[in-house]
């Protein structure tokens, strides 16, 4: 490996990382039925809190690029496990989308989500997670189902 390649590799791994330990607190369900939209909102009950918890590690490279990583463990029903490039939306705010081709909760052929994280202060952030989804109706037609999860994250910083 050339000296230039080593320096480039070091530059991309010598960035700053922030760990976001996120807990959903609210759920908003949107569902289409023949073009008519229904919605409901509720709190995430205490028995479901472990199911709706995610830890994301956002790493900013020397060039400013952000990569977000999530290790889902055994269950990745909404398709957020992996490493994804993120887009800065504003200072302290970024978003990323994910995709997966199997073992999905709300779809059969593929799944993914849009995740947005916004810093509140040095120790806390808010987040939204919107999985892609569909539901099969009694007459076998498909309709859109969105389960938007909203909550807060505990933040911790580290240098790499």
N, C-alpha and C. Protein backbone atom coordinates (compact mmCIF):
# COMPACT_ATOMS: atom_id res chain seq x y z
N UNK A 1 0.85 -1.17 0.00
CA UNK A 1 0.00 0.00 0.00
C UNK A 1 0.90 1.23 0.00
N UNK A 2 0.57 2.20 -0.83
CA UNK A 2 1.38 3.40 -0.93
C UNK A 2 1.15 4.31 0.27
N UNK A 3 2.09 5.23 0.51
CA UNK A 3 1.97 6.19 1.60
C UNK A 3 0.73 7.04 1.42
N UNK A 4 0.42 7.43 0.19
CA UNK A 4 -0.78 8.24 -0.08
C UNK A 4 -2.05 7.47 0.29
N UNK A 5 -2.14 6.19 -0.02
CA UNK A 5 -3.31 5.38 0.31
C UNK A 5 -3.45 5.24 1.82
N UNK A 6 -2.32 5.08 2.54
CA UNK A 6 -2.36 4.98 4.00
C UNK A 6 -2.86 6.28 4.61
N UNK A 7 -2.35 7.42 4.12
CA UNK A 7 -2.79 8.71 4.63
C UNK A 7 -4.29 8.95 4.35
N UNK A 8 -4.74 8.53 3.18
CA UNK A 8 -6.17 8.68 2.85
C UNK A 8 -7.03 7.83 3.76
N UNK A 9 -6.58 6.61 4.04
CA UNK A 9 -7.33 5.74 4.95
C UNK A 9 -7.37 6.32 6.35
N UNK A 10 -6.25 6.85 6.83
CA UNK A 10 -6.22 7.48 8.14
C UNK A 10 -7.13 8.70 8.21
N UNK A 11 -7.17 9.46 7.15
CA UNK A 11 -8.01 10.67 7.14
C UNK A 11 -9.48 10.33 7.26
N UNK A 12 -9.90 9.22 6.66
CA UNK A 12 -11.32 8.87 6.72
C UNK A 12 -11.68 8.19 8.03
N UNK A 13 -10.72 7.69 8.79
CA UNK A 13 -11.04 7.03 10.05
C UNK A 13 -10.64 7.87 11.25
N UNK A 14 -10.05 9.03 11.05
CA UNK A 14 -9.61 9.84 12.18
C UNK A 14 -10.64 10.88 12.56
N UNK A 15 -11.86 10.68 12.14
CA UNK A 15 -12.92 11.64 12.38
C UNK A 15 -13.48 11.59 13.79
N UNK A 16 -14.59 12.20 13.92
CA UNK A 16 -15.29 12.37 15.18
C UNK A 16 -16.55 11.51 15.14
N UNK A 17 -16.84 10.77 16.21
CA UNK A 17 -18.03 9.94 16.26
C UNK A 17 -18.94 10.38 17.38
N UNK A 18 -20.23 10.27 17.13
CA UNK A 18 -21.25 10.51 18.14
C UNK A 18 -22.16 9.29 18.17
N UNK A 19 -22.35 8.76 19.36
CA UNK A 19 -23.27 7.64 19.55
C UNK A 19 -24.60 8.20 20.01
N UNK A 20 -25.66 7.78 19.34
CA UNK A 20 -27.02 8.19 19.67
C UNK A 20 -27.77 6.95 20.14
N UNK A 21 -28.10 6.89 21.43
CA UNK A 21 -28.90 5.79 21.99
C UNK A 21 -30.35 6.29 22.01
N UNK A 22 -31.14 5.85 21.05
CA UNK A 22 -32.46 6.43 20.79
C UNK A 22 -33.59 5.53 21.29
N UNK A 23 -34.59 6.15 21.86
CA UNK A 23 -35.78 5.47 22.37
C UNK A 23 -37.03 6.13 21.80
N UNK A 24 -37.85 5.35 21.11
CA UNK A 24 -39.12 5.89 20.60
C UNK A 24 -40.07 6.11 21.77
N UNK A 25 -40.72 7.25 21.75
CA UNK A 25 -41.68 7.59 22.79
C UNK A 25 -43.09 7.75 22.26
N UNK A 26 -43.20 8.09 20.98
CA UNK A 26 -44.50 8.28 20.33
C UNK A 26 -44.53 7.49 19.03
N UNK A 27 -45.72 7.04 18.63
CA UNK A 27 -45.93 6.37 17.35
C UNK A 27 -47.07 7.06 16.63
N UNK A 28 -46.87 7.28 15.35
CA UNK A 28 -47.92 7.84 14.52
C UNK A 28 -48.14 6.85 13.38
N UNK A 29 -49.35 6.35 13.25
CA UNK A 29 -49.68 5.37 12.21
C UNK A 29 -50.51 6.07 11.14
N UNK A 30 -50.06 5.99 9.90
CA UNK A 30 -50.78 6.51 8.74
C UNK A 30 -51.09 5.34 7.82
N UNK A 31 -52.34 5.25 7.38
CA UNK A 31 -52.71 4.14 6.51
C UNK A 31 -53.71 4.59 5.46
N UNK A 32 -53.45 4.17 4.23
CA UNK A 32 -54.34 4.47 3.12
C UNK A 32 -55.33 3.32 2.96
N UNK A 33 -56.58 3.66 2.64
CA UNK A 33 -57.60 2.66 2.33
C UNK A 33 -58.40 3.22 1.16
N UNK A 34 -58.08 2.75 -0.04
CA UNK A 34 -58.70 3.23 -1.29
C UNK A 34 -58.57 4.75 -1.43
N UNK A 35 -57.41 5.27 -1.06
CA UNK A 35 -57.13 6.69 -1.21
C UNK A 35 -57.59 7.55 -0.05
N UNK A 36 -58.29 6.97 0.89
CA UNK A 36 -58.69 7.68 2.10
C UNK A 36 -57.64 7.41 3.17
N UNK A 37 -57.18 8.46 3.85
CA UNK A 37 -56.12 8.30 4.84
C UNK A 37 -56.69 8.31 6.25
N UNK A 38 -56.22 7.37 7.04
CA UNK A 38 -56.55 7.29 8.45
C UNK A 38 -55.26 7.44 9.23
N UNK A 39 -55.34 7.97 10.43
CA UNK A 39 -54.15 8.09 11.25
C UNK A 39 -54.53 7.96 12.72
N UNK A 40 -53.52 7.58 13.50
CA UNK A 40 -53.67 7.54 14.95
C UNK A 40 -52.31 7.80 15.56
N UNK A 41 -52.33 8.31 16.76
CA UNK A 41 -51.08 8.59 17.48
C UNK A 41 -51.20 7.98 18.87
N UNK A 42 -50.08 7.48 19.38
CA UNK A 42 -50.08 6.90 20.72
C UNK A 42 -48.68 6.95 21.32
N UNK A 43 -48.62 6.79 22.62
CA UNK A 43 -47.33 6.66 23.30
C UNK A 43 -46.84 5.24 23.12
N UNK A 44 -45.52 5.05 23.11
CA UNK A 44 -44.95 3.70 23.10
C UNK A 44 -45.06 3.18 24.54
N UNK A 45 -45.78 2.07 24.71
CA UNK A 45 -45.96 1.56 26.07
C UNK A 45 -44.68 0.94 26.60
N UNK A 46 -44.58 0.85 27.91
CA UNK A 46 -43.35 0.37 28.56
C UNK A 46 -42.95 -1.03 28.11
N UNK A 47 -43.92 -1.90 27.81
CA UNK A 47 -43.61 -3.26 27.37
C UNK A 47 -42.97 -3.30 25.98
N UNK A 48 -43.17 -2.26 25.17
CA UNK A 48 -42.62 -2.22 23.81
C UNK A 48 -41.34 -1.40 23.70
N UNK A 49 -40.90 -0.82 24.79
CA UNK A 49 -39.76 0.11 24.71
C UNK A 49 -38.49 -0.56 24.17
N UNK A 50 -38.20 -1.80 24.56
CA UNK A 50 -36.98 -2.46 24.05
C UNK A 50 -37.07 -2.72 22.55
N UNK A 51 -38.28 -2.94 22.04
CA UNK A 51 -38.46 -3.17 20.61
C UNK A 51 -38.18 -1.92 19.80
N UNK A 52 -38.53 -0.77 20.37
CA UNK A 52 -38.39 0.50 19.66
C UNK A 52 -37.22 1.33 20.20
N UNK A 53 -36.05 0.68 20.26
CA UNK A 53 -34.81 1.31 20.71
C UNK A 53 -33.72 1.00 19.68
N UNK A 54 -32.99 2.04 19.30
CA UNK A 54 -31.91 1.88 18.32
C UNK A 54 -30.70 2.67 18.78
N UNK A 55 -29.50 2.15 18.49
CA UNK A 55 -28.26 2.87 18.75
C UNK A 55 -27.58 3.11 17.40
N UNK A 56 -27.38 4.38 17.09
CA UNK A 56 -26.74 4.78 15.85
C UNK A 56 -25.40 5.45 16.18
N UNK A 57 -24.37 5.13 15.41
CA UNK A 57 -23.06 5.77 15.56
C UNK A 57 -22.81 6.57 14.30
N UNK A 58 -22.74 7.89 14.46
CA UNK A 58 -22.49 8.79 13.34
C UNK A 58 -21.03 9.21 13.37
N UNK A 59 -20.32 8.94 12.29
CA UNK A 59 -18.90 9.27 12.19
C UNK A 59 -18.71 10.30 11.09
N UNK A 60 -18.06 11.40 11.47
CA UNK A 60 -17.77 12.45 10.49
C UNK A 60 -16.31 12.31 10.08
N UNK A 61 -16.08 12.12 8.80
CA UNK A 61 -14.72 11.99 8.26
C UNK A 61 -14.09 13.37 8.16
N UNK A 62 -12.80 13.38 7.93
CA UNK A 62 -12.06 14.64 7.80
C UNK A 62 -12.62 15.52 6.67
N UNK A 63 -13.18 14.89 5.65
CA UNK A 63 -13.75 15.65 4.52
C UNK A 63 -15.18 16.12 4.79
N UNK A 64 -15.71 15.83 5.98
CA UNK A 64 -17.06 16.27 6.36
C UNK A 64 -18.16 15.25 6.09
N UNK A 65 -17.83 14.19 5.35
CA UNK A 65 -18.84 13.17 5.06
C UNK A 65 -19.26 12.45 6.35
N UNK A 66 -20.54 12.13 6.45
CA UNK A 66 -21.07 11.44 7.63
C UNK A 66 -21.49 10.03 7.22
N UNK A 67 -21.06 9.05 8.01
CA UNK A 67 -21.51 7.67 7.86
C UNK A 67 -22.19 7.27 9.15
N UNK A 68 -23.37 6.67 9.04
CA UNK A 68 -24.11 6.22 10.21
C UNK A 68 -24.12 4.70 10.21
N UNK A 69 -23.80 4.10 11.37
CA UNK A 69 -23.78 2.65 11.53
C UNK A 69 -24.77 2.23 12.59
N UNK A 70 -25.40 1.09 12.35
CA UNK A 70 -26.30 0.50 13.34
C UNK A 70 -26.15 -1.00 13.28
N UNK A 71 -25.88 -1.62 14.43
CA UNK A 71 -25.82 -3.07 14.55
C UNK A 71 -27.15 -3.52 15.14
N UNK A 72 -28.02 -4.13 14.34
CA UNK A 72 -29.35 -4.46 14.83
C UNK A 72 -29.41 -5.70 15.73
N UNK A 73 -28.29 -6.42 15.83
CA UNK A 73 -28.35 -7.68 16.57
C UNK A 73 -29.13 -8.69 15.76
N UNK A 74 -29.96 -9.47 16.42
CA UNK A 74 -30.70 -10.55 15.76
C UNK A 74 -31.85 -10.02 14.91
N UNK A 75 -32.57 -9.02 15.41
CA UNK A 75 -33.78 -8.56 14.75
C UNK A 75 -33.56 -7.20 14.08
N UNK A 76 -33.84 -7.13 12.80
CA UNK A 76 -33.77 -5.88 12.05
C UNK A 76 -35.03 -5.75 11.21
N UNK A 77 -36.17 -5.77 11.87
CA UNK A 77 -37.46 -5.85 11.19
C UNK A 77 -37.79 -4.64 10.33
N UNK A 78 -37.25 -3.47 10.67
CA UNK A 78 -37.55 -2.28 9.86
C UNK A 78 -36.41 -1.94 8.90
N UNK A 79 -35.34 -2.73 8.88
CA UNK A 79 -34.30 -2.57 7.87
C UNK A 79 -33.35 -1.41 8.08
N UNK A 80 -32.94 -1.15 9.33
CA UNK A 80 -32.00 -0.04 9.58
C UNK A 80 -30.59 -0.51 9.90
N UNK A 81 -30.34 -1.81 9.90
CA UNK A 81 -29.01 -2.31 10.20
C UNK A 81 -28.05 -2.07 9.06
N UNK A 82 -26.80 -1.73 9.38
CA UNK A 82 -25.78 -1.53 8.37
C UNK A 82 -25.10 -0.19 8.50
N UNK A 83 -24.33 0.15 7.47
CA UNK A 83 -23.61 1.43 7.38
C UNK A 83 -24.18 2.21 6.20
N UNK A 84 -24.54 3.47 6.45
CA UNK A 84 -25.19 4.28 5.42
C UNK A 84 -24.62 5.69 5.39
N UNK A 85 -24.47 6.26 4.20
CA UNK A 85 -24.08 7.67 4.12
C UNK A 85 -25.24 8.55 4.58
N UNK A 86 -24.93 9.59 5.31
CA UNK A 86 -25.96 10.52 5.80
C UNK A 86 -25.78 11.87 5.11
N UNK A 87 -26.83 12.64 5.14
CA UNK A 87 -26.83 13.97 4.54
C UNK A 87 -27.02 14.99 5.65
N UNK A 88 -26.14 15.99 5.70
CA UNK A 88 -26.33 17.09 6.65
C UNK A 88 -27.50 17.93 6.20
N UNK A 89 -28.41 18.23 7.11
CA UNK A 89 -29.57 19.06 6.81
C UNK A 89 -29.38 20.48 7.32
N UNK A 90 -28.71 20.59 8.47
CA UNK A 90 -28.44 21.86 9.13
C UNK A 90 -27.38 21.55 10.19
N UNK A 91 -26.78 22.56 10.79
CA UNK A 91 -25.83 22.26 11.86
C UNK A 91 -26.49 21.41 12.95
N UNK A 92 -25.89 20.27 13.25
CA UNK A 92 -26.43 19.39 14.28
C UNK A 92 -27.61 18.55 13.85
N UNK A 93 -27.89 18.49 12.56
CA UNK A 93 -29.04 17.73 12.08
C UNK A 93 -28.65 16.99 10.80
N UNK A 94 -28.99 15.68 10.75
CA UNK A 94 -28.68 14.89 9.57
C UNK A 94 -29.77 13.84 9.37
N UNK A 95 -29.78 13.27 8.17
CA UNK A 95 -30.75 12.23 7.83
C UNK A 95 -30.07 11.20 6.95
N UNK A 96 -30.61 9.98 6.98
CA UNK A 96 -30.11 8.93 6.11
C UNK A 96 -31.25 7.96 5.81
N UNK A 97 -31.12 7.27 4.69
CA UNK A 97 -32.10 6.25 4.35
C UNK A 97 -31.39 4.91 4.27
N UNK A 98 -32.16 3.86 4.55
CA UNK A 98 -31.60 2.52 4.60
C UNK A 98 -32.36 1.61 3.63
N UNK A 99 -31.79 0.45 3.35
CA UNK A 99 -32.51 -0.53 2.54
C UNK A 99 -32.01 -1.93 2.83
N UNK A 100 -32.91 -2.87 2.70
CA UNK A 100 -32.63 -4.28 2.98
C UNK A 100 -33.57 -5.11 2.09
N UNK A 101 -33.14 -6.30 1.68
CA UNK A 101 -33.94 -7.07 0.73
C UNK A 101 -34.64 -8.29 1.33
N UNK A 102 -34.59 -8.49 2.64
CA UNK A 102 -35.26 -9.66 3.22
C UNK A 102 -35.52 -9.47 4.71
N UNK A 103 -36.32 -10.38 5.28
CA UNK A 103 -36.65 -10.39 6.71
C UNK A 103 -37.21 -9.05 7.19
N UNK A 104 -38.23 -8.57 6.50
CA UNK A 104 -38.82 -7.27 6.80
C UNK A 104 -40.15 -7.45 7.51
N UNK A 105 -40.47 -6.52 8.37
CA UNK A 105 -41.71 -6.58 9.15
C UNK A 105 -42.92 -6.11 8.35
N UNK A 106 -42.80 -4.99 7.64
CA UNK A 106 -43.95 -4.38 6.99
C UNK A 106 -44.05 -4.64 5.49
N UNK A 107 -43.12 -5.37 4.92
CA UNK A 107 -43.12 -5.64 3.48
C UNK A 107 -42.54 -7.02 3.23
N UNK A 108 -42.72 -7.55 2.03
CA UNK A 108 -42.22 -8.89 1.72
C UNK A 108 -40.94 -8.89 0.89
N UNK A 109 -40.78 -7.94 -0.03
CA UNK A 109 -39.68 -8.00 -0.98
C UNK A 109 -38.48 -7.14 -0.61
N UNK A 110 -38.67 -6.17 0.23
CA UNK A 110 -37.59 -5.28 0.63
C UNK A 110 -38.12 -4.28 1.64
N UNK A 111 -37.20 -3.68 2.36
CA UNK A 111 -37.63 -2.69 3.34
C UNK A 111 -36.51 -1.68 3.57
N UNK A 112 -36.82 -0.70 4.32
CA UNK A 112 -35.87 0.33 4.65
C UNK A 112 -36.57 1.41 5.44
N UNK A 113 -35.86 2.48 5.71
CA UNK A 113 -36.43 3.54 6.52
C UNK A 113 -35.72 4.85 6.23
N UNK A 114 -36.38 5.92 6.60
CA UNK A 114 -35.78 7.24 6.63
C UNK A 114 -35.60 7.59 8.10
N UNK A 115 -34.37 7.92 8.48
CA UNK A 115 -34.06 8.28 9.86
C UNK A 115 -33.53 9.70 9.86
N UNK A 116 -34.05 10.53 10.76
CA UNK A 116 -33.58 11.90 10.92
C UNK A 116 -33.24 12.12 12.38
N UNK A 117 -32.07 12.71 12.63
CA UNK A 117 -31.61 12.98 13.99
C UNK A 117 -31.23 14.46 14.08
N UNK A 118 -31.68 15.11 15.15
CA UNK A 118 -31.43 16.54 15.33
C UNK A 118 -30.97 16.78 16.76
N UNK A 119 -29.76 17.33 16.90
CA UNK A 119 -29.22 17.60 18.23
C UNK A 119 -30.06 18.65 18.95
N UNK A 120 -30.35 18.37 20.22
CA UNK A 120 -31.02 19.34 21.09
C UNK A 120 -29.96 20.11 21.87
N UNK A 121 -29.00 19.36 22.43
CA UNK A 121 -27.86 19.94 23.13
C UNK A 121 -26.73 18.93 23.09
N UNK A 122 -25.71 19.10 23.91
CA UNK A 122 -24.53 18.22 23.86
C UNK A 122 -24.81 16.80 24.32
N UNK A 123 -25.91 16.57 25.03
CA UNK A 123 -26.21 15.25 25.57
C UNK A 123 -27.50 14.64 25.06
N UNK A 124 -28.24 15.37 24.24
CA UNK A 124 -29.57 14.90 23.85
C UNK A 124 -29.89 15.30 22.41
N UNK A 125 -30.67 14.43 21.74
CA UNK A 125 -31.13 14.70 20.38
C UNK A 125 -32.56 14.18 20.24
N UNK A 126 -33.26 14.68 19.24
CA UNK A 126 -34.56 14.11 18.89
C UNK A 126 -34.37 13.30 17.61
N UNK A 127 -35.28 12.35 17.38
CA UNK A 127 -35.17 11.55 16.17
C UNK A 127 -36.56 11.15 15.67
N UNK A 128 -36.59 10.86 14.38
CA UNK A 128 -37.77 10.23 13.77
C UNK A 128 -37.27 9.08 12.92
N UNK A 129 -38.05 8.02 12.90
CA UNK A 129 -37.74 6.85 12.09
C UNK A 129 -39.02 6.45 11.38
N UNK A 130 -38.96 6.47 10.05
CA UNK A 130 -40.13 6.14 9.24
C UNK A 130 -39.81 4.96 8.34
N UNK A 131 -40.27 3.76 8.73
CA UNK A 131 -40.03 2.60 7.87
C UNK A 131 -40.92 2.62 6.63
N UNK A 132 -40.43 2.01 5.55
CA UNK A 132 -41.26 1.80 4.38
C UNK A 132 -42.24 0.70 4.75
N UNK A 133 -43.48 0.81 4.29
CA UNK A 133 -44.41 -0.24 4.67
C UNK A 133 -45.61 -0.35 3.78
N UNK A 134 -46.19 -1.53 3.77
CA UNK A 134 -47.45 -1.76 3.08
C UNK A 134 -48.23 -2.80 3.88
N UNK A 135 -49.52 -2.85 3.61
CA UNK A 135 -50.37 -3.81 4.28
C UNK A 135 -51.27 -4.43 3.21
N UNK A 136 -51.56 -5.71 3.37
CA UNK A 136 -52.46 -6.37 2.45
C UNK A 136 -53.86 -6.34 3.07
N UNK A 137 -54.81 -5.87 2.30
CA UNK A 137 -56.18 -5.71 2.78
C UNK A 137 -56.95 -7.01 2.58
N UNK A 138 -58.15 -7.08 3.14
CA UNK A 138 -58.97 -8.29 3.04
C UNK A 138 -59.25 -8.68 1.60
N UNK A 139 -59.36 -7.71 0.70
CA UNK A 139 -59.63 -8.01 -0.72
C UNK A 139 -58.33 -8.21 -1.52
N UNK A 140 -57.20 -8.40 -0.83
CA UNK A 140 -55.89 -8.72 -1.42
C UNK A 140 -55.17 -7.53 -2.06
N UNK A 141 -55.73 -6.33 -2.03
CA UNK A 141 -55.02 -5.18 -2.58
C UNK A 141 -54.03 -4.66 -1.55
N UNK A 142 -53.03 -3.94 -2.06
CA UNK A 142 -52.00 -3.35 -1.22
C UNK A 142 -52.34 -1.91 -0.90
N UNK A 143 -52.01 -1.50 0.31
CA UNK A 143 -52.17 -0.11 0.71
C UNK A 143 -50.92 0.31 1.47
N UNK A 144 -50.67 1.61 1.52
CA UNK A 144 -49.52 2.16 2.23
C UNK A 144 -49.79 2.15 3.74
N UNK A 145 -48.79 1.74 4.49
CA UNK A 145 -48.83 1.77 5.94
C UNK A 145 -47.54 2.43 6.42
N UNK A 146 -47.65 3.49 7.18
CA UNK A 146 -46.49 4.17 7.75
C UNK A 146 -46.62 4.17 9.26
N UNK A 147 -45.60 3.67 9.93
CA UNK A 147 -45.53 3.71 11.39
C UNK A 147 -44.35 4.60 11.73
N UNK A 148 -44.61 5.86 11.98
CA UNK A 148 -43.56 6.84 12.26
C UNK A 148 -43.27 6.81 13.75
N UNK A 149 -42.01 6.63 14.09
CA UNK A 149 -41.61 6.61 15.48
C UNK A 149 -40.84 7.88 15.80
N UNK A 150 -41.19 8.50 16.89
CA UNK A 150 -40.58 9.76 17.33
C UNK A 150 -40.05 9.58 18.73
N UNK A 151 -38.90 10.17 19.02
CA UNK A 151 -38.37 10.04 20.37
C UNK A 151 -37.12 10.88 20.58
N UNK A 152 -36.40 10.52 21.63
CA UNK A 152 -35.17 11.23 21.98
C UNK A 152 -34.01 10.25 22.08
N UNK A 153 -32.82 10.81 21.99
CA UNK A 153 -31.59 10.02 22.04
C UNK A 153 -30.66 10.61 23.09
N UNK A 154 -29.96 9.74 23.81
CA UNK A 154 -28.85 10.17 24.65
C UNK A 154 -27.62 10.17 23.75
N UNK A 155 -26.81 11.21 23.86
CA UNK A 155 -25.62 11.34 23.01
C UNK A 155 -24.35 11.14 23.81
N UNK A 156 -23.37 10.53 23.18
CA UNK A 156 -22.02 10.47 23.73
C UNK A 156 -21.04 10.67 22.59
N UNK A 157 -19.98 11.42 22.85
CA UNK A 157 -18.99 11.80 21.85
C UNK A 157 -17.72 10.98 22.04
N UNK A 158 -17.02 10.75 20.91
CA UNK A 158 -15.70 10.10 20.99
C UNK A 158 -14.88 10.53 19.78
N UNK A 159 -13.59 10.53 19.97
CA UNK A 159 -12.64 10.76 18.87
C UNK A 159 -12.15 9.40 18.42
N UNK A 160 -11.93 9.25 17.14
CA UNK A 160 -11.42 7.97 16.64
C UNK A 160 -9.97 8.09 16.29
